[in-house]
Amino acid sequence: MTDDESAEYYTLLCDDPSHEVVLVDCGPRQTDVILALRKLTGLSLWHSRVLARQAPVIVLEGLGDYEARSAVSVLRSAGAEAEWRQEPEPGERTAPSP
């Protein structure tokens, strides 16, 4: 490519960007949230408990839109505060979380 040429990139409409599920807070029903984490991630009970105590933490990555929303719904029904968000594109910078 020469200096006069520029590259153009397009996002296809069929490309579903991947999403991540974030456990923001465990809430008052910690046991229910730990069991929900175990169900979603397939981790052991001990690892699920450790993950729940590290909140805010990314629980799942690389999910489609529907899967991410479903996982958040499971966590919220267990009493947790959770959210889903689109994963940043490679090379995209995000602000560090406080």
PDB file of N, CA and C in Angstrom:
ATOM      1  N   MET A   1       0.851  -1.164   0.000  1.00  0.00           N
ATOM      2  CA  MET A   1       0.000   0.000   0.000  1.00  0.00           C
ATOM      3  C   MET A   1       0.902   1.233   0.000  1.00  0.00           C
ATOM      4  N   THR A   2       0.575   2.186  -0.803  1.00  0.00           N
ATOM      5  CA  THR A   2       1.376   3.412  -0.881  1.00  0.00           C
ATOM      6  C   THR A   2       0.845   4.431   0.109  1.00  0.00           C
ATOM      7  N   ASP A   3       1.564   5.545   0.207  1.00  0.00           N
ATOM      8  CA  ASP A   3       1.156   6.598   1.145  1.00  0.00           C
ATOM      9  C   ASP A   3      -0.160   7.255   0.745  1.00  0.00           C
ATOM     10  N   ASP A   4      -0.469   7.274  -0.557  1.00  0.00           N
ATOM     11  CA  ASP A   4      -1.687   7.920  -1.036  1.00  0.00           C
ATOM     12  C   ASP A   4      -2.936   7.072  -0.819  1.00  0.00           C
ATOM     13  N   GLU A   5      -2.742   5.781  -0.663  1.00  0.00           N
ATOM     14  CA  GLU A   5      -3.877   4.890  -0.480  1.00  0.00           C
ATOM     15  C   GLU A   5      -4.237   4.796   0.999  1.00  0.00           C
ATOM     16  N   SER A   6      -5.499   4.615   1.256  1.00  0.00           N
ATOM     17  CA  SER A   6      -5.929   4.415   2.641  1.00  0.00           C
ATOM     18  C   SER A   6      -6.780   3.158   2.701  1.00  0.00           C
ATOM     19  N   ALA A   7      -6.733   2.506   3.802  1.00  0.00           N
ATOM     20  CA  ALA A   7      -7.510   1.288   3.986  1.00  0.00           C
ATOM     21  C   ALA A   7      -8.852   1.635   4.602  1.00  0.00           C
ATOM     22  N   GLU A   8      -9.887   0.975   4.125  1.00  0.00           N
ATOM     23  CA  GLU A   8     -11.220   1.170   4.683  1.00  0.00           C
ATOM     24  C   GLU A   8     -11.691  -0.152   5.271  1.00  0.00           C
ATOM     25  N   TYR A   9     -12.255  -0.082   6.448  1.00  0.00           N
ATOM     26  CA  TYR A   9     -12.744  -1.263   7.118  1.00  0.00           C
ATOM     27  C   TYR A   9     -14.243  -1.120   7.343  1.00  0.00           C
ATOM     28  N   TYR A  10     -14.959  -2.202   7.145  1.00  0.00           N
ATOM     29  CA  TYR A  10     -16.400  -2.199   7.310  1.00  0.00           C
ATOM     30  C   TYR A  10     -16.799  -3.283   8.297  1.00  0.00           C
ATOM     31  N   THR A  11     -17.797  -2.989   9.098  1.00  0.00           N
ATOM     32  CA  THR A  11     -18.379  -3.991   9.973  1.00  0.00           C
ATOM     33  C   THR A  11     -19.603  -4.554   9.273  1.00  0.00           C
ATOM     34  N   LEU A  12     -19.619  -5.838   9.080  1.00  0.00           N
ATOM     35  CA  LEU A  12     -20.751  -6.460   8.418  1.00  0.00           C
ATOM     36  C   LEU A  12     -21.929  -6.542   9.372  1.00  0.00           C
ATOM     37  N   LEU A  13     -23.111  -6.399   8.829  1.00  0.00           N
ATOM     38  CA  LEU A  13     -24.301  -6.443   9.666  1.00  0.00           C
ATOM     39  C   LEU A  13     -24.512  -7.805  10.297  1.00  0.00           C
ATOM     40  N   CYS A  14     -24.006  -8.845   9.676  1.00  0.00           N
ATOM     41  CA  CYS A  14     -24.190 -10.183  10.216  1.00  0.00           C
ATOM     42  C   CYS A  14     -23.182 -10.490  11.328  1.00  0.00           C
ATOM     43  N   ASP A  15     -22.179  -9.638  11.488  1.00  0.00           N
ATOM     44  CA  ASP A  15     -21.199  -9.850  12.543  1.00  0.00           C
ATOM     45  C   ASP A  15     -21.803  -9.462  13.884  1.00  0.00           C
ATOM     46  N   ASP A  16     -21.983 -10.441  14.747  1.00  0.00           N
ATOM     47  CA  ASP A  16     -22.507 -10.174  16.085  1.00  0.00           C
ATOM     48  C   ASP A  16     -21.314  -9.944  16.999  1.00  0.00           C
ATOM     49  N   PRO A  17     -21.150  -8.723  17.490  1.00  0.00           N
ATOM     50  CA  PRO A  17     -20.010  -8.477  18.368  1.00  0.00           C
ATOM     51  C   PRO A  17     -20.159  -9.287  19.653  1.00  0.00           C
ATOM     52  N   SER A  18     -19.039  -9.694  20.191  1.00  0.00           N
ATOM     53  CA  SER A  18     -19.102 -10.491  21.404  1.00  0.00           C
ATOM     54  C   SER A  18     -19.367  -9.602  22.613  1.00  0.00           C
ATOM     55  N   HIS A  19     -19.977 -10.193  23.613  1.00  0.00           N
ATOM     56  CA  HIS A  19     -20.355  -9.472  24.827  1.00  0.00           C
ATOM     57  C   HIS A  19     -19.734 -10.157  26.034  1.00  0.00           C
ATOM     58  N   GLU A  20     -19.653  -9.407  27.110  1.00  0.00           N
ATOM     59  CA  GLU A  20     -19.165  -9.951  28.368  1.00  0.00           C
ATOM     60  C   GLU A  20     -20.186  -9.682  29.459  1.00  0.00           C
ATOM     61  N   VAL A  21     -20.213 -10.552  30.440  1.00  0.00           N
ATOM     62  CA  VAL A  21     -21.122 -10.423  31.573  1.00  0.00           C
ATOM     63  C   VAL A  21     -20.292 -10.030  32.785  1.00  0.00           C
ATOM     64  N   VAL A  22     -20.726  -8.961  33.456  1.00  0.00           N
ATOM     65  CA  VAL A  22     -19.998  -8.434  34.601  1.00  0.00           C
ATOM     66  C   VAL A  22     -20.862  -8.564  35.849  1.00  0.00           C
ATOM     67  N   LEU A  23     -20.310  -9.193  36.865  1.00  0.00           N
ATOM     68  CA  LEU A  23     -20.961  -9.251  38.171  1.00  0.00           C
ATOM     69  C   LEU A  23     -20.531  -8.001  38.924  1.00  0.00           C
ATOM     70  N   VAL A  24     -21.448  -7.074  39.112  1.00  0.00           N
ATOM     71  CA  VAL A  24     -21.135  -5.801  39.751  1.00  0.00           C
ATOM     72  C   VAL A  24     -21.144  -5.930  41.267  1.00  0.00           C
ATOM     73  N   ASP A  25     -22.175  -6.601  41.803  1.00  0.00           N
ATOM     74  CA  ASP A  25     -22.283  -6.777  43.254  1.00  0.00           C
ATOM     75  C   ASP A  25     -23.051  -8.067  43.526  1.00  0.00           C
ATOM     76  N   CYS A  26     -22.640  -8.757  44.554  1.00  0.00           N
ATOM     77  CA  CYS A  26     -23.256 -10.036  44.899  1.00  0.00           C
ATOM     78  C   CYS A  26     -24.647  -9.861  45.510  1.00  0.00           C
ATOM     79  N   GLY A  27     -24.865  -8.800  46.213  1.00  0.00           N
ATOM     80  CA  GLY A  27     -26.156  -8.581  46.842  1.00  0.00           C
ATOM     81  C   GLY A  27     -26.289  -9.362  48.134  1.00  0.00           C
ATOM     82  N   PRO A  28     -27.464  -9.312  48.750  1.00  0.00           N
ATOM     83  CA  PRO A  28     -27.651  -9.959  50.053  1.00  0.00           C
ATOM     84  C   PRO A  28     -27.773 -11.485  49.992  1.00  0.00           C
ATOM     85  N   ARG A  29     -28.115 -12.033  48.821  1.00  0.00           N
ATOM     86  CA  ARG A  29     -28.299 -13.488  48.694  1.00  0.00           C
ATOM     87  C   ARG A  29     -27.060 -14.118  48.066  1.00  0.00           C
ATOM     88  N   GLN A  30     -25.961 -14.057  48.788  1.00  0.00           N
ATOM     89  CA  GLN A  30     -24.677 -14.505  48.266  1.00  0.00           C
ATOM     90  C   GLN A  30     -24.690 -15.990  47.875  1.00  0.00           C
ATOM     91  N   THR A  31     -25.321 -16.821  48.645  1.00  0.00           N
ATOM     92  CA  THR A  31     -25.360 -18.259  48.348  1.00  0.00           C
ATOM     93  C   THR A  31     -26.064 -18.527  47.024  1.00  0.00           C
ATOM     94  N   ASP A  32     -27.181 -17.844  46.782  1.00  0.00           N
ATOM     95  CA  ASP A  32     -27.908 -18.020  45.523  1.00  0.00           C
ATOM     96  C   ASP A  32     -27.069 -17.561  44.331  1.00  0.00           C
ATOM     97  N   VAL A  33     -26.338 -16.476  44.512  1.00  0.00           N
ATOM     98  CA  VAL A  33     -25.490 -15.955  43.442  1.00  0.00           C
ATOM     99  C   VAL A  33     -24.344 -16.925  43.152  1.00  0.00           C
ATOM    100  N   ILE A  34     -23.760 -17.490  44.198  1.00  0.00           N
ATOM    101  CA  ILE A  34     -22.673 -18.464  44.013  1.00  0.00           C
ATOM    102  C   ILE A  34     -23.176 -19.676  43.235  1.00  0.00           C
ATOM    103  N   LEU A  35     -24.368 -20.156  43.563  1.00  0.00           N
ATOM    104  CA  LEU A  35     -24.938 -21.297  42.840  1.00  0.00           C
ATOM    105  C   LEU A  35     -25.241 -20.931  41.387  1.00  0.00           C
ATOM    106  N   ALA A  36     -25.706 -19.697  41.153  1.00  0.00           N
ATOM    107  CA  ALA A  36     -25.962 -19.250  39.781  1.00  0.00           C
ATOM    108  C   ALA A  36     -24.656 -19.144  38.998  1.00  0.00           C
ATOM    109  N   LEU A  37     -23.610 -18.647  39.629  1.00  0.00           N
ATOM    110  CA  LEU A  37     -22.298 -18.568  38.980  1.00  0.00           C
ATOM    111  C   LEU A  37     -21.791 -19.958  38.619  1.00  0.00           C
ATOM    112  N   ARG A  38     -21.997 -20.879  39.523  1.00  0.00           N
ATOM    113  CA  ARG A  38     -21.559 -22.258  39.272  1.00  0.00           C
ATOM    114  C   ARG A  38     -22.289 -22.845  38.072  1.00  0.00           C
ATOM    115  N   LYS A  39     -23.585 -22.570  37.996  1.00  0.00           N
ATOM    116  CA  LYS A  39     -24.395 -23.064  36.885  1.00  0.00           C
ATOM    117  C   LYS A  39     -23.951 -22.439  35.558  1.00  0.00           C
ATOM    118  N   LEU A  40     -23.664 -21.141  35.566  1.00  0.00           N
ATOM    119  CA  LEU A  40     -23.298 -20.439  34.332  1.00  0.00           C
ATOM    120  C   LEU A  40     -21.888 -20.752  33.848  1.00  0.00           C
ATOM    121  N   THR A  41     -20.948 -20.835  34.779  1.00  0.00           N
ATOM    122  CA  THR A  41     -19.541 -20.953  34.396  1.00  0.00           C
ATOM    123  C   THR A  41     -19.033 -22.392  34.388  1.00  0.00           C
ATOM    124  N   GLY A  42     -19.682 -23.259  35.147  1.00  0.00           N
ATOM    125  CA  GLY A  42     -19.193 -24.626  35.256  1.00  0.00           C
ATOM    126  C   GLY A  42     -18.038 -24.760  36.229  1.00  0.00           C
ATOM    127  N   LEU A  43     -17.765 -23.706  36.979  1.00  0.00           N
ATOM    128  CA  LEU A  43     -16.690 -23.748  37.977  1.00  0.00           C
ATOM    129  C   LEU A  43     -17.131 -24.534  39.200  1.00  0.00           C
ATOM    130  N   SER A  44     -16.169 -24.902  40.010  1.00  0.00           N
ATOM    131  CA  SER A  44     -16.496 -25.588  41.261  1.00  0.00           C
ATOM    132  C   SER A  44     -17.175 -24.605  42.211  1.00  0.00           C
ATOM    133  N   LEU A  45     -17.750 -25.148  43.264  1.00  0.00           N
ATOM    134  CA  LEU A  45     -18.411 -24.306  44.259  1.00  0.00           C
ATOM    135  C   LEU A  45     -17.421 -23.345  44.905  1.00  0.00           C
ATOM    136  N   TRP A  46     -16.234 -23.842  45.195  1.00  0.00           N
ATOM    137  CA  TRP A  46     -15.209 -23.001  45.824  1.00  0.00           C
ATOM    138  C   TRP A  46     -14.781 -21.875  44.892  1.00  0.00           C
ATOM    139  N   HIS A  47     -14.519 -22.198  43.621  1.00  0.00           N
ATOM    140  CA  HIS A  47     -14.103 -21.167  42.663  1.00  0.00           C
ATOM    141  C   HIS A  47     -15.225 -20.159  42.398  1.00  0.00           C
ATOM    142  N   SER A  48     -16.452 -20.615  42.396  1.00  0.00           N
ATOM    143  CA  SER A  48     -17.593 -19.713  42.213  1.00  0.00           C
ATOM    144  C   SER A  48     -17.691 -18.739  43.384  1.00  0.00           C
ATOM    145  N   ARG A  49     -17.432 -19.241  44.594  1.00  0.00           N
ATOM    146  CA  ARG A  49     -17.463 -18.376  45.773  1.00  0.00           C
ATOM    147  C   ARG A  49     -16.360 -17.322  45.708  1.00  0.00           C
ATOM    148  N   VAL A  50     -15.166 -17.735  45.300  1.00  0.00           N
ATOM    149  CA  VAL A  50     -14.050 -16.802  45.158  1.00  0.00           C
ATOM    150  C   VAL A  50     -14.382 -15.743  44.111  1.00  0.00           C
ATOM    151  N   LEU A  51     -14.960 -16.155  42.997  1.00  0.00           N
ATOM    152  CA  LEU A  51     -15.332 -15.225  41.933  1.00  0.00           C
ATOM    153  C   LEU A  51     -16.377 -14.226  42.417  1.00  0.00           C
ATOM    154  N   ALA A  52     -17.361 -14.697  43.169  1.00  0.00           N
ATOM    155  CA  ALA A  52     -18.414 -13.819  43.683  1.00  0.00           C
ATOM    156  C   ALA A  52     -17.859 -12.775  44.640  1.00  0.00           C
ATOM    157  N   ARG A  53     -16.860 -13.141  45.404  1.00  0.00           N
ATOM    158  CA  ARG A  53     -16.274 -12.204  46.374  1.00  0.00           C
ATOM    159  C   ARG A  53     -15.346 -11.189  45.730  1.00  0.00           C
ATOM    160  N   GLN A  54     -14.993 -11.394  44.455  1.00  0.00           N
ATOM    161  CA  GLN A  54     -14.118 -10.455  43.758  1.00  0.00           C
ATOM    162  C   GLN A  54     -14.893  -9.369  43.022  1.00  0.00           C
ATOM    163  N   ALA A  55     -16.194  -9.326  43.178  1.00  0.00           N
ATOM    164  CA  ALA A  55     -17.022  -8.360  42.444  1.00  0.00           C
ATOM    165  C   ALA A  55     -16.546  -6.939  42.698  1.00  0.00           C
ATOM    166  N   PRO A  56     -16.520  -6.100  41.689  1.00  0.00           N
ATOM    167  CA  PRO A  56     -16.944  -6.288  40.301  1.00  0.00           C
ATOM    168  C   PRO A  56     -15.905  -7.067  39.505  1.00  0.00           C
ATOM    169  N   VAL A  57     -16.398  -8.051  38.748  1.00  0.00           N
ATOM    170  CA  VAL A  57     -15.521  -8.940  37.993  1.00  0.00           C
ATOM    171  C   VAL A  57     -16.247  -9.414  36.730  1.00  0.00           C
ATOM    172  N   ILE A  58     -15.478  -9.632  35.662  1.00  0.00           N
ATOM    173  CA  ILE A  58     -16.037 -10.183  34.435  1.00  0.00           C
ATOM    174  C   ILE A  58     -16.217 -11.686  34.645  1.00  0.00           C
ATOM    175  N   VAL A  59     -17.436 -12.148  34.473  1.00  0.00           N
ATOM    176  CA  VAL A  59     -17.763 -13.543  34.728  1.00  0.00           C
ATOM    177  C   VAL A  59     -17.647 -14.376  33.453  1.00  0.00           C
ATOM    178  N   LEU A  60     -18.199 -13.878  32.357  1.00  0.00           N
ATOM    179  CA  LEU A  60     -18.191 -14.594  31.085  1.00  0.00           C
ATOM    180  C   LEU A  60     -17.782 -13.642  29.971  1.00  0.00           C
ATOM    181  N   GLU A  61     -17.082 -14.168  28.978  1.00  0.00           N
ATOM    182  CA  GLU A  61     -16.653 -13.360  27.836  1.00  0.00           C
ATOM    183  C   GLU A  61     -16.950 -14.099  26.540  1.00  0.00           C
ATOM    184  N   GLY A  62     -17.016 -13.349  25.459  1.00  0.00           N
ATOM    185  CA  GLY A  62     -17.169 -13.950  24.143  1.00  0.00           C
ATOM    186  C   GLY A  62     -18.552 -14.507  23.857  1.00  0.00           C
ATOM    187  N   LEU A  63     -19.558 -13.963  24.500  1.00  0.00           N
ATOM    188  CA  LEU A  63     -20.928 -14.441  24.296  1.00  0.00           C
ATOM    189  C   LEU A  63     -21.641 -13.607  23.252  1.00  0.00           C
ATOM    190  N   GLY A  64     -22.631 -14.201  22.640  1.00  0.00           N
ATOM    191  CA  GLY A  64     -23.517 -13.465  21.761  1.00  0.00           C
ATOM    192  C   GLY A  64     -24.478 -12.627  22.599  1.00  0.00           C
ATOM    193  N   ASP A  65     -25.234 -11.786  21.935  1.00  0.00           N
ATOM    194  CA  ASP A  65     -26.151 -10.879  22.619  1.00  0.00           C
ATOM    195  C   ASP A  65     -27.174 -11.641  23.472  1.00  0.00           C
ATOM    196  N   TYR A  66     -27.807 -12.639  22.886  1.00  0.00           N
ATOM    197  CA  TYR A  66     -28.839 -13.388  23.590  1.00  0.00           C
ATOM    198  C   TYR A  66     -28.277 -14.133  24.806  1.00  0.00           C
ATOM    199  N   GLU A  67     -27.118 -14.772  24.635  1.00  0.00           N
ATOM    200  CA  GLU A  67     -26.511 -15.525  25.732  1.00  0.00           C
ATOM    201  C   GLU A  67     -26.117 -14.608  26.877  1.00  0.00           C
ATOM    202  N   ALA A  68     -25.582 -13.425  26.547  1.00  0.00           N
ATOM    203  CA  ALA A  68     -25.174 -12.476  27.584  1.00  0.00           C
ATOM    204  C   ALA A  68     -26.382 -11.973  28.365  1.00  0.00           C
ATOM    205  N   ARG A  69     -27.445 -11.638  27.656  1.00  0.00           N
ATOM    206  CA  ARG A  69     -28.660 -11.170  28.342  1.00  0.00           C
ATOM    207  C   ARG A  69     -29.259 -12.271  29.217  1.00  0.00           C
ATOM    208  N   SER A  70     -29.217 -13.493  28.745  1.00  0.00           N
ATOM    209  CA  SER A  70     -29.747 -14.612  29.528  1.00  0.00           C
ATOM    210  C   SER A  70     -28.933 -14.834  30.797  1.00  0.00           C
ATOM    211  N   ALA A  71     -27.607 -14.742  30.689  1.00  0.00           N
ATOM    212  CA  ALA A  71     -26.745 -14.924  31.854  1.00  0.00           C
ATOM    213  C   ALA A  71     -26.985 -13.826  32.884  1.00  0.00           C
ATOM    214  N   VAL A  72     -27.150 -12.595  32.419  1.00  0.00           N
ATOM    215  CA  VAL A  72     -27.439 -11.482  33.334  1.00  0.00           C
ATOM    216  C   VAL A  72     -28.779 -11.710  34.012  1.00  0.00           C
ATOM    217  N   SER A  73     -29.740 -12.211  33.283  1.00  0.00           N
ATOM    218  CA  SER A  73     -31.053 -12.492  33.860  1.00  0.00           C
ATOM    219  C   SER A  73     -30.971 -13.540  34.968  1.00  0.00           C
ATOM    220  N   VAL A  74     -30.166 -14.570  34.753  1.00  0.00           N
ATOM    221  CA  VAL A  74     -29.983 -15.611  35.772  1.00  0.00           C
ATOM    222  C   VAL A  74     -29.350 -15.016  37.026  1.00  0.00           C
ATOM    223  N   LEU A  75     -28.317 -14.189  36.845  1.00  0.00           N
ATOM    224  CA  LEU A  75     -27.652 -13.586  37.999  1.00  0.00           C
ATOM    225  C   LEU A  75     -28.570 -12.622  38.736  1.00  0.00           C
ATOM    226  N   ARG A  76     -29.331 -11.830  37.996  1.00  0.00           N
ATOM    227  CA  ARG A  76     -30.248 -10.883  38.649  1.00  0.00           C
ATOM    228  C   ARG A  76     -31.361 -11.605  39.398  1.00  0.00           C
ATOM    229  N   SER A  77     -31.843 -12.719  38.856  1.00  0.00           N
ATOM    230  CA  SER A  77     -32.890 -13.461  39.556  1.00  0.00           C
ATOM    231  C   SER A  77     -32.351 -14.117  40.824  1.00  0.00           C
ATOM    232  N   ALA A  78     -31.034 -14.312  40.886  1.00  0.00           N
ATOM    233  CA  ALA A  78     -30.413 -14.853  42.102  1.00  0.00           C
ATOM    234  C   ALA A  78     -30.137 -13.756  43.124  1.00  0.00           C
ATOM    235  N   GLY A  79     -30.361 -12.498  42.759  1.00  0.00           N
ATOM    236  CA  GLY A  79     -30.184 -11.397  43.707  1.00  0.00           C
ATOM    237  C   GLY A  79     -28.945 -10.555  43.477  1.00  0.00           C
ATOM    238  N   ALA A  80     -28.202 -10.830  42.408  1.00  0.00           N
ATOM    239  CA  ALA A  80     -26.975 -10.079  42.139  1.00  0.00           C
ATOM    240  C   ALA A  80     -27.266  -8.861  41.282  1.00  0.00           C
ATOM    241  N   GLU A  81     -26.344  -7.933  41.321  1.00  0.00           N
ATOM    242  CA  GLU A  81     -26.373  -6.814  40.397  1.00  0.00           C
ATOM    243  C   GLU A  81     -25.384  -7.158  39.290  1.00  0.00           C
ATOM    244  N   ALA A  82     -25.884  -7.313  38.070  1.00  0.00           N
ATOM    245  CA  ALA A  82     -25.043  -7.734  36.948  1.00  0.00           C
ATOM    246  C   ALA A  82     -25.404  -6.920  35.722  1.00  0.00           C
ATOM    247  N   GLU A  83     -24.473  -6.855  34.795  1.00  0.00           N
ATOM    248  CA  GLU A  83     -24.717  -6.139  33.544  1.00  0.00           C
ATOM    249  C   GLU A  83     -23.970  -6.835  32.413  1.00  0.00           C
ATOM    250  N   TRP A  84     -24.399  -6.588  31.207  1.00  0.00           N
ATOM    251  CA  TRP A  84     -23.689  -7.098  30.031  1.00  0.00           C
ATOM    252  C   TRP A  84     -23.256  -5.906  29.212  1.00  0.00           C
ATOM    253  N   ARG A  85     -22.160  -6.074  28.534  1.00  0.00           N
ATOM    254  CA  ARG A  85     -21.665  -4.999  27.679  1.00  0.00           C
ATOM    255  C   ARG A  85     -20.874  -5.603  26.526  1.00  0.00           C
ATOM    256  N   GLN A  86     -20.791  -4.820  25.482  1.00  0.00           N
ATOM    257  CA  GLN A  86     -20.052  -5.255  24.308  1.00  0.00           C
ATOM    258  C   GLN A  86     -18.567  -5.214  24.612  1.00  0.00           C
ATOM    259  N   GLU A  87     -17.869  -6.277  24.238  1.00  0.00           N
ATOM    260  CA  GLU A  87     -16.424  -6.309  24.454  1.00  0.00           C
ATOM    261  C   GLU A  87     -15.760  -5.304  23.530  1.00  0.00           C
ATOM    262  N   PRO A  88     -14.712  -4.630  24.002  1.00  0.00           N
ATOM    263  CA  PRO A  88     -14.023  -3.683  23.131  1.00  0.00           C
ATOM    264  C   PRO A  88     -13.317  -4.413  21.990  1.00  0.00           C
ATOM    265  N   GLU A  89     -13.257  -3.746  20.856  1.00  0.00           N
ATOM    266  CA  GLU A  89     -12.553  -4.301  19.706  1.00  0.00           C
ATOM    267  C   GLU A  89     -11.064  -4.374  20.012  1.00  0.00           C
ATOM    268  N   PRO A  90     -10.346  -5.309  19.407  1.00  0.00           N
ATOM    269  CA  PRO A  90      -8.900  -5.366  19.622  1.00  0.00           C
ATOM    270  C   PRO A  90      -8.249  -4.045  19.222  1.00  0.00           C
ATOM    271  N   GLY A  91      -7.416  -3.536  20.083  1.00  0.00           N
ATOM    272  CA  GLY A  91      -6.753  -2.262  19.826  1.00  0.00           C
ATOM    273  C   GLY A  91      -7.519  -1.065  20.344  1.00  0.00           C
ATOM    274  N   GLU A  92      -8.771  -1.265  20.736  1.00  0.00           N
ATOM    275  CA  GLU A  92      -9.583  -0.184  21.277  1.00  0.00           C
ATOM    276  C   GLU A  92      -9.193   0.026  22.733  1.00  0.00           C
ATOM    277  N   ARG A  93      -9.041   1.246  23.123  1.00  0.00           N
ATOM    278  CA  ARG A  93      -8.664   1.532  24.507  1.00  0.00           C
ATOM    279  C   ARG A  93      -9.907   1.837  25.328  1.00  0.00           C
ATOM    280  N   THR A  94      -9.917   1.319  26.533  1.00  0.00           N
ATOM    281  CA  THR A  94     -11.017   1.612  27.452  1.00  0.00           C
ATOM    282  C   THR A  94     -10.422   2.260  28.695  1.00  0.00           C
ATOM    283  N   ALA A  95     -11.218   3.069  29.336  1.00  0.00           N
ATOM    284  CA  ALA A  95     -10.766   3.726  30.555  1.00  0.00           C
ATOM    285  C   ALA A  95     -10.685   2.697  31.674  1.00  0.00           C
ATOM    286  N   PRO A  96      -9.666   2.772  32.498  1.00  0.00           N
ATOM    287  CA  PRO A  96      -9.574   1.821  33.615  1.00  0.00           C
ATOM    288  C   PRO A  96     -10.715   2.040  34.586  1.00  0.00           C
ATOM    289  N   SER A  97     -11.200   0.959  35.148  1.00  0.00           N
ATOM    290  CA  SER A  97     -12.298   1.079  36.106  1.00  0.00           C
ATOM    291  C   SER A  97     -11.742   1.548  37.454  1.00  0.00           C
ATOM    292  N   PRO A  98     -12.522   2.354  38.155  1.00  0.00           N
ATOM    293  CA  PRO A  98     -12.035   2.908  39.436  1.00  0.00           C
ATOM    294  C   PRO A  98     -11.932   1.871  40.515  1.00  0.00           C
TER     295      PRO A  98
END
